[in-house]
Protein backbone atom coordinates (compact mmCIF):
# COMPACT_ATOMS: atom_id res chain seq x y z
CA MET A 1 16.31 -202.23 137.32
CA ARG A 2 19.90 -201.54 138.18
CA VAL A 3 22.75 -203.71 136.95
CA GLN A 4 25.53 -204.19 139.49
CA VAL A 5 29.06 -204.54 138.18
CA PRO A 6 31.20 -207.04 140.08
CA LYS A 7 34.16 -205.43 141.82
CA ALA A 8 36.57 -208.05 140.49
CA ASP A 9 35.54 -207.33 136.89
CA GLU A 10 35.96 -203.60 137.49
CA GLY A 11 39.47 -204.17 138.82
CA HIS A 12 40.25 -206.42 135.85
CA TRP A 13 39.36 -203.64 133.40
CA LEU A 14 41.38 -201.16 135.45
CA TRP A 15 44.45 -203.40 135.23
CA LEU A 16 43.90 -203.85 131.49
CA TRP A 17 43.86 -200.08 130.89
CA LEU A 18 46.87 -199.68 133.17
CA TRP A 19 48.87 -202.23 131.13
CA LEU A 20 47.78 -200.60 127.86
CA TRP A 21 49.25 -197.34 129.18
CA LEU A 22 52.37 -198.85 130.78
CA LEU A 23 53.58 -201.19 128.04
CA PRO A 24 54.42 -198.46 125.46
CA LEU A 25 56.09 -196.44 128.22
CA LEU A 26 58.20 -199.42 129.26
CA PHE A 27 59.20 -200.11 125.66
CA ALA A 28 60.18 -196.47 125.14
CA LEU A 29 62.17 -196.47 128.38
CA ALA A 30 64.00 -199.69 127.46
CA ARG A 31 64.79 -198.35 124.00
CA ARG A 32 66.11 -195.09 125.47
CA MET A 33 68.29 -196.95 127.99
CA ARG A 34 69.64 -199.20 125.23
CA ALA A 35 70.43 -196.16 123.07
CA ASN A 36 72.19 -194.44 125.99
CA ARG A 37 74.29 -197.54 126.65
CA ALA A 38 75.52 -197.72 123.05
CA PRO A 39 78.05 -195.02 122.01
């Protein structure tokens, strides 16, 4: 018996992992830009 994974669910998990990777990067980038702006 083989269990088929819905494509939509697979994409949902992919987006979740992508956001988990991107959010810290975005926060670091914003912090760096803010630090560069301030003398």
